[in-house]
Amino acid sequence: MNRNNFGDIRVFVEVARRGGFRAAAKYLHQAPASVSEAVQRFEDRLGVRLFERSTRSVVLTPIGEQFYARSLPAIAELEGAVSDIDDQKDNVSGTLRLSAPYSAGPFFLDDLVAHYACAYPSVNVELIYNDNKVDLLTSGIDAAIRSNTLLGPDTHAVSVGPELTMAIVGTPEYLERMGTPKRPKDILQHHAICYAFGRGDQLAPWGFKGPDGPYVIQPKPRMVANDMRSLLCYARHGLGLAYVYAEIAAPYIANSDMVEVLRDYLLPLPRYSLNYRSKKHMTRRLRAFIDMAKDKAYR
């Protein structure tokens, strides 16, 4: 492959990855016309059309999609290699991009990221809270902190953060009206306030321990949200039973605004996982973050 082909492949990948010539040009620090010309030149050389263009959008053709899927991993590996060289020259520096669920922040992640930023002042940190699953290959994210149920199939992971104790809570008025559940299966007769992983049809099951080992129950939800504090708010208004982190429910249980039920049956949730794509060309800034996250002080 000659040198021009490689440069044109890089331009093609950025147009596909960023969804248009203008966005790719901005990322590559080139003029949009130059990016468009590079793609056209590459298409002419290959004798195929890689994009369908309109005044509003740029969409990969079927053969363009195949070529993108084959070329993107190679480009990503090269970018990682260059980034690693830069890190070795400049020590721990650059931009660390993280994705995490909203729940992780107050429990450990905000504190961890603050300590990391203080320890490595040459690193800029971008932390975006989002409960949706992240494609680490195409998103530009260095690492995603997620629950075990959302791990990507082609990634590495380490356990981070604390073990999370759960609680099922309701108001005294609600329990007086609907009755207090004595066994886990009794929650099926109650209004449930459930946590969703970014979408209303991806609900977190309620975990219990039994004589034959752990098991889960998925109650029918009356209320669904992807933030634990919202679940607690709905429960405080008497709308049902909420399955939430015990830590955020503790103040309301202590002042008798809410009542905890089925405590002896509940299982703690697993620790979060820090999910990353490649060990081969890991940047120093990501390695430093992983090492700090694994430290016992943040478990």
Protein backbone atom coordinates (compact mmCIF):
# COMPACT_ATOMS: atom_id res chain seq x y z
CA MET A 1 0.00 0.00 0.00
CA ASN A 2 1.42 3.39 -0.93
CA ARG A 3 1.52 6.34 1.42
CA ASN A 4 -1.41 8.15 -0.21
CA ASN A 5 -3.66 5.14 0.26
CA PHE A 6 -2.97 5.07 3.99
CA GLY A 7 -3.74 8.77 4.37
CA ASP A 8 -6.96 8.40 2.43
CA ILE A 9 -8.02 5.42 4.56
CA ARG A 10 -7.55 7.56 7.66
CA VAL A 11 -9.75 10.27 6.16
CA PHE A 12 -12.38 7.70 5.14
CA VAL A 13 -12.48 6.22 8.65
CA GLU A 14 -12.95 9.64 10.27
CA VAL A 15 -15.78 10.59 7.90
CA ALA A 16 -17.53 7.30 8.68
CA ARG A 17 -16.81 7.48 12.42
CA ARG A 18 -17.99 11.09 12.77
CA GLY A 19 -20.89 10.96 10.33
CA GLY A 20 -19.86 13.63 7.85
CA PHE A 21 -17.15 15.53 6.02
CA ARG A 22 -17.35 18.68 8.13
CA ALA A 23 -17.03 16.85 11.45
CA ALA A 24 -14.13 14.76 10.11
CA ALA A 25 -12.43 17.88 8.76
CA LYS A 26 -12.68 19.58 12.14
CA TYR A 27 -11.16 16.55 13.89
CA LEU A 28 -8.37 16.21 11.30
CA HIS A 29 -7.71 19.98 11.19
CA GLN A 30 -8.31 20.03 7.44
CA ALA A 31 -10.63 21.95 5.16
CA PRO A 32 -13.95 20.15 4.43
CA ALA A 33 -13.19 20.38 0.69
CA SER A 34 -9.86 18.59 1.21
CA VAL A 35 -11.57 15.78 3.12
CA SER A 36 -14.22 15.41 0.43
CA GLU A 37 -11.57 15.35 -2.28
CA ALA A 38 -9.57 12.69 -0.42
CA VAL A 39 -12.61 10.42 -0.16
CA GLN A 40 -13.51 10.96 -3.81
CA ARG A 41 -9.92 10.21 -4.85
CA PHE A 42 -9.92 7.03 -2.77
CA GLU A 43 -13.26 5.90 -4.25
CA ASP A 44 -11.94 6.52 -7.76
CA ARG A 45 -8.80 4.53 -7.01
CA LEU A 46 -10.86 1.61 -5.65
CA GLY A 47 -13.51 1.84 -8.34
CA VAL A 48 -16.37 1.66 -5.80
CA ARG A 49 -18.63 4.09 -4.01
CA LEU A 50 -18.07 4.09 -0.23
CA PHE A 51 -20.62 6.77 0.73
CA GLU A 52 -24.05 7.83 -0.45
CA ARG A 53 -24.14 11.61 -0.26
CA SER A 54 -27.04 14.03 -0.01
CA THR A 55 -27.36 17.66 1.03
CA ARG A 56 -28.28 16.54 4.54
CA SER A 57 -26.34 13.37 5.24
CA VAL A 58 -23.46 11.08 4.38
CA VAL A 59 -24.24 7.35 4.69
CA LEU A 60 -21.99 4.35 4.14
CA THR A 61 -22.84 2.06 1.25
CA PRO A 62 -22.92 -1.68 2.00
CA ILE A 63 -19.37 -2.09 0.67
CA GLY A 64 -18.38 1.03 2.60
CA GLU A 65 -19.72 -0.52 5.79
CA GLN A 66 -17.66 -3.67 5.18
CA PHE A 67 -14.51 -1.68 4.54
CA TYR A 68 -15.10 0.50 7.61
CA ALA A 69 -15.54 -2.57 9.83
CA ARG A 70 -12.23 -4.01 8.54
CA SER A 71 -10.19 -0.79 8.62
CA LEU A 72 -11.37 0.77 11.89
CA PRO A 73 -9.59 -1.69 14.26
CA ALA A 74 -6.29 -1.15 12.43
CA ILE A 75 -6.63 2.64 12.61
CA ALA A 76 -7.57 2.43 16.30
CA GLU A 77 -4.49 0.31 17.04
CA LEU A 78 -2.25 2.80 15.22
CA GLU A 79 -3.81 5.70 17.10
CA GLY A 80 -3.21 3.88 20.36
CA ALA A 81 0.40 3.21 19.44
CA VAL A 82 1.02 6.87 18.58
CA SER A 83 -0.74 7.98 21.74
CA ASP A 84 1.41 5.59 23.78
CA ILE A 85 4.57 7.07 22.27
CA ASP A 86 3.35 10.55 23.13
CA ASP A 87 2.66 9.44 26.68
CA GLN A 88 6.14 7.99 27.03
CA LYS A 89 7.61 11.30 25.90
CA ASP A 90 5.40 13.43 28.12
CA ASN A 91 4.91 11.04 31.04
CA VAL A 92 1.26 10.79 32.17
CA SER A 93 -0.58 13.40 30.12
CA GLY A 94 -3.28 13.93 27.52
CA THR A 95 -7.06 13.52 27.89
CA LEU A 96 -8.66 10.60 29.72
CA ARG A 97 -12.23 10.00 28.54
CA LEU A 98 -14.53 8.02 30.83
CA SER A 99 -18.15 6.92 30.71
CA ALA A 100 -20.09 5.82 33.79
CA PRO A 101 -23.63 5.35 35.10
CA TYR A 102 -25.09 8.16 37.19
CA SER A 103 -25.11 5.95 40.27
CA ALA A 104 -21.32 5.54 40.35
CA GLY A 105 -20.54 9.21 40.97
CA PRO A 106 -21.66 9.75 44.56
CA PHE A 107 -20.54 6.31 45.70
CA PHE A 108 -16.92 6.42 44.66
CA LEU A 109 -16.20 7.71 41.17
CA ASP A 110 -16.35 11.47 41.73
CA ASP A 111 -13.92 11.12 44.62
CA LEU A 112 -11.65 8.79 42.64
CA VAL A 113 -11.54 11.10 39.61
CA ALA A 114 -10.78 14.10 41.82
CA HIS A 115 -7.85 12.26 43.44
CA TYR A 116 -6.61 11.17 40.02
CA ALA A 117 -6.76 14.72 38.63
CA CYS A 118 -4.81 16.00 41.63
CA ALA A 119 -2.19 13.27 41.28
CA TYR A 120 -1.74 13.81 37.52
CA PRO A 121 -2.12 17.53 36.77
CA SER A 122 -1.01 17.07 33.14
CA VAL A 123 -4.08 14.92 32.39
CA ASN A 124 -7.42 16.42 31.42
CA VAL A 125 -10.41 14.27 32.39
CA GLU A 126 -13.72 14.03 30.55
CA LEU A 127 -16.30 12.06 32.57
CA ILE A 128 -19.70 11.63 30.96
CA TYR A 129 -22.48 10.02 32.99
CA ASN A 130 -24.66 7.82 30.83
CA ASP A 131 -26.32 4.48 31.59
CA ASN A 132 -26.31 3.26 27.99
CA LYS A 133 -23.84 0.67 26.77
CA VAL A 134 -20.72 2.16 25.16
CA ASP A 135 -18.85 0.82 22.13
CA LEU A 136 -15.25 1.35 23.20
CA LEU A 137 -13.96 0.82 19.66
CA THR A 138 -15.89 3.64 17.99
CA SER A 139 -16.82 6.05 20.78
CA GLY A 140 -13.41 7.49 21.63
CA ILE A 141 -13.97 6.52 25.27
CA ASP A 142 -10.89 5.15 27.07
CA ALA A 143 -12.80 3.23 29.75
CA ALA A 144 -16.40 2.62 30.76
CA ILE A 145 -17.44 1.99 34.34
CA ARG A 146 -20.47 -0.28 34.27
CA SER A 147 -22.30 -2.97 36.19
CA ASN A 148 -21.40 -6.55 35.25
CA THR A 149 -24.57 -6.93 33.19
CA LEU A 150 -23.42 -4.30 30.69
CA LEU A 151 -19.88 -5.45 29.91
CA GLY A 152 -18.84 -5.54 26.27
CA PRO A 153 -17.94 -8.95 24.80
CA ASP A 154 -14.50 -8.00 23.41
CA THR A 155 -13.12 -5.97 26.28
CA HIS A 156 -11.09 -6.39 29.45
CA ALA A 157 -12.39 -5.47 32.89
CA VAL A 158 -11.30 -5.03 36.49
CA SER A 159 -13.55 -4.71 39.53
CA VAL A 160 -13.62 -1.26 41.12
CA GLY A 161 -15.58 0.61 43.74
CA PRO A 162 -17.42 -0.69 46.78
CA GLU A 163 -19.73 -3.66 47.12
CA LEU A 164 -23.23 -2.18 47.07
CA THR A 165 -25.73 -3.09 49.78
CA MET A 166 -29.36 -2.93 48.67
CA ALA A 167 -32.59 -2.09 50.47
CA ILE A 168 -36.28 -2.46 49.68
CA VAL A 169 -38.18 0.46 51.18
CA GLY A 170 -41.67 1.91 51.35
CA THR A 171 -43.48 4.47 53.44
CA PRO A 172 -45.33 3.43 56.60
CA GLU A 173 -48.57 4.61 54.98
CA TYR A 174 -48.00 2.50 51.87
CA LEU A 175 -47.22 -0.61 53.91
CA GLU A 176 -50.25 -0.08 56.11
CA ARG A 177 -52.40 0.18 52.99
CA MET A 178 -50.85 -2.69 50.98
CA GLY A 179 -49.40 -4.91 53.70
CA THR A 180 -45.77 -5.67 54.62
CA PRO A 181 -44.13 -8.38 52.46
CA LYS A 182 -42.84 -11.28 54.55
CA ARG A 183 -41.15 -13.26 51.76
CA PRO A 184 -39.54 -12.14 48.50
CA LYS A 185 -42.34 -13.53 46.33
CA ASP A 186 -44.76 -11.20 48.16
CA ILE A 187 -43.36 -8.23 46.21
CA LEU A 188 -45.19 -9.55 43.16
CA GLN A 189 -48.39 -8.33 44.86
CA HIS A 190 -47.00 -4.82 45.32
CA HIS A 191 -46.43 -1.74 43.21
CA ALA A 192 -42.76 -1.82 42.21
CA ILE A 193 -40.48 1.14 41.53
CA CYS A 194 -37.74 -0.19 39.27
CA TYR A 195 -34.36 0.91 37.97
CA ALA A 196 -33.80 0.90 34.19
CA PHE A 197 -30.46 0.63 32.39
CA GLY A 198 -31.01 3.57 30.05
CA ARG A 199 -34.23 2.12 28.53
CA GLY A 200 -37.57 1.24 30.05
CA ASP A 201 -37.38 -2.37 28.86
CA GLN A 202 -33.97 -3.04 30.46
CA LEU A 203 -34.91 -3.32 34.11
CA ALA A 204 -32.63 -4.29 36.97
CA PRO A 205 -33.98 -7.46 38.67
CA TRP A 206 -34.26 -7.62 42.45
CA GLY A 207 -31.73 -10.06 43.90
CA PHE A 208 -32.37 -12.38 46.84
CA LYS A 209 -30.70 -15.25 48.64
CA GLY A 210 -32.50 -18.52 49.25
CA PRO A 211 -31.82 -22.04 50.53
CA ASP A 212 -30.76 -23.12 47.04
CA GLY A 213 -28.62 -20.09 46.33
CA PRO A 214 -29.11 -16.61 44.86
CA TYR A 215 -32.11 -15.87 42.67
CA VAL A 216 -33.84 -12.84 41.20
CA ILE A 217 -37.40 -11.62 40.94
CA GLN A 218 -38.55 -9.08 38.36
CA PRO A 219 -41.66 -7.40 39.78
CA LYS A 220 -44.06 -5.64 37.44
CA PRO A 221 -43.14 -1.96 37.59
CA ARG A 222 -45.49 0.89 38.25
CA MET A 223 -42.70 3.48 38.06
CA VAL A 224 -39.39 3.24 36.13
CA ALA A 225 -36.40 5.58 36.20
CA ASN A 226 -32.65 5.37 35.59
CA ASP A 227 -31.65 7.31 38.69
CA MET A 228 -31.76 5.80 42.19
CA ARG A 229 -32.71 9.08 43.82
CA SER A 230 -35.75 9.33 41.59
CA LEU A 231 -36.80 5.83 42.68
CA LEU A 232 -36.46 6.88 46.29
CA CYS A 233 -38.50 10.03 45.66
CA TYR A 234 -41.36 8.02 44.15
CA ALA A 235 -41.29 5.63 47.09
CA ARG A 236 -41.38 8.54 49.56
CA HIS A 237 -44.59 9.68 47.87
CA GLY A 238 -46.16 6.31 48.66
CA LEU A 239 -46.18 5.02 45.09
CA GLY A 240 -44.75 1.60 45.91
CA LEU A 241 -41.70 -0.35 47.03
CA ALA A 242 -38.30 0.74 45.73
CA TYR A 243 -35.18 -1.40 45.35
CA VAL A 244 -32.36 1.08 45.99
CA TYR A 245 -28.89 1.40 47.45
CA ALA A 246 -29.09 1.13 51.24
CA GLU A 247 -26.76 4.11 51.63
CA ILE A 248 -29.14 6.60 50.03
CA ALA A 249 -32.17 5.18 51.86
CA ALA A 250 -30.48 5.14 55.29
CA PRO A 251 -31.33 8.73 56.35
CA TYR A 252 -35.03 8.22 55.59
CA ILE A 253 -35.09 4.89 57.42
CA ALA A 254 -33.35 6.46 60.41
CA ASN A 255 -35.99 9.20 60.81
CA SER A 256 -38.85 6.73 60.18
CA ASP A 257 -40.00 8.35 56.94
CA MET A 258 -39.46 4.99 55.28
CA VAL A 259 -39.45 1.36 56.38
CA GLU A 260 -37.01 -1.29 55.16
CA VAL A 261 -38.46 -4.72 54.39
CA LEU A 262 -37.01 -8.16 53.54
CA ARG A 263 -33.52 -7.14 54.71
CA ASP A 264 -32.48 -10.69 55.61
CA TYR A 265 -33.25 -11.93 52.10
CA LEU A 266 -31.31 -9.35 50.11
CA LEU A 267 -28.02 -9.89 48.29
CA PRO A 268 -25.41 -7.16 47.77
CA LEU A 269 -24.78 -6.17 44.18
CA PRO A 270 -21.38 -6.93 42.63
CA ARG A 271 -18.83 -4.16 42.45
CA TYR A 272 -18.65 -2.04 39.34
CA SER A 273 -16.38 -3.05 36.48
CA LEU A 274 -13.94 -0.75 34.76
CA ASN A 275 -14.16 -1.83 31.15
CA TYR A 276 -11.42 -1.07 28.61
CA ARG A 277 -10.56 -2.28 25.13
CA SER A 278 -6.90 -3.09 24.73
CA LYS A 279 -3.99 -3.99 26.97
CA LYS A 280 -1.53 -3.94 24.07
CA HIS A 281 -1.39 -0.18 23.50
CA MET A 282 -2.79 1.13 26.77
CA THR A 283 -1.85 4.73 27.44
CA ARG A 284 -0.02 5.64 30.61
CA ARG A 285 -2.88 7.86 31.72
CA LEU A 286 -5.34 4.95 31.51
CA ARG A 287 -2.93 2.58 33.25
CA ALA A 288 -2.48 5.11 36.04
CA PHE A 289 -6.24 5.45 36.42
CA ILE A 290 -6.78 1.68 36.51
CA ASP A 291 -4.05 1.26 39.12
CA MET A 292 -5.61 3.95 41.30
CA ALA A 293 -9.11 2.51 40.86
CA LYS A 294 -7.88 -0.94 41.95
CA ASP A 295 -6.28 0.47 45.10
CA LYS A 296 -7.97 -0.78 48.28
CA ALA A 297 -8.77 2.81 49.33
CA TYR A 298 -11.45 2.94 46.65
CA ARG A 299 -13.01 -0.48 47.14
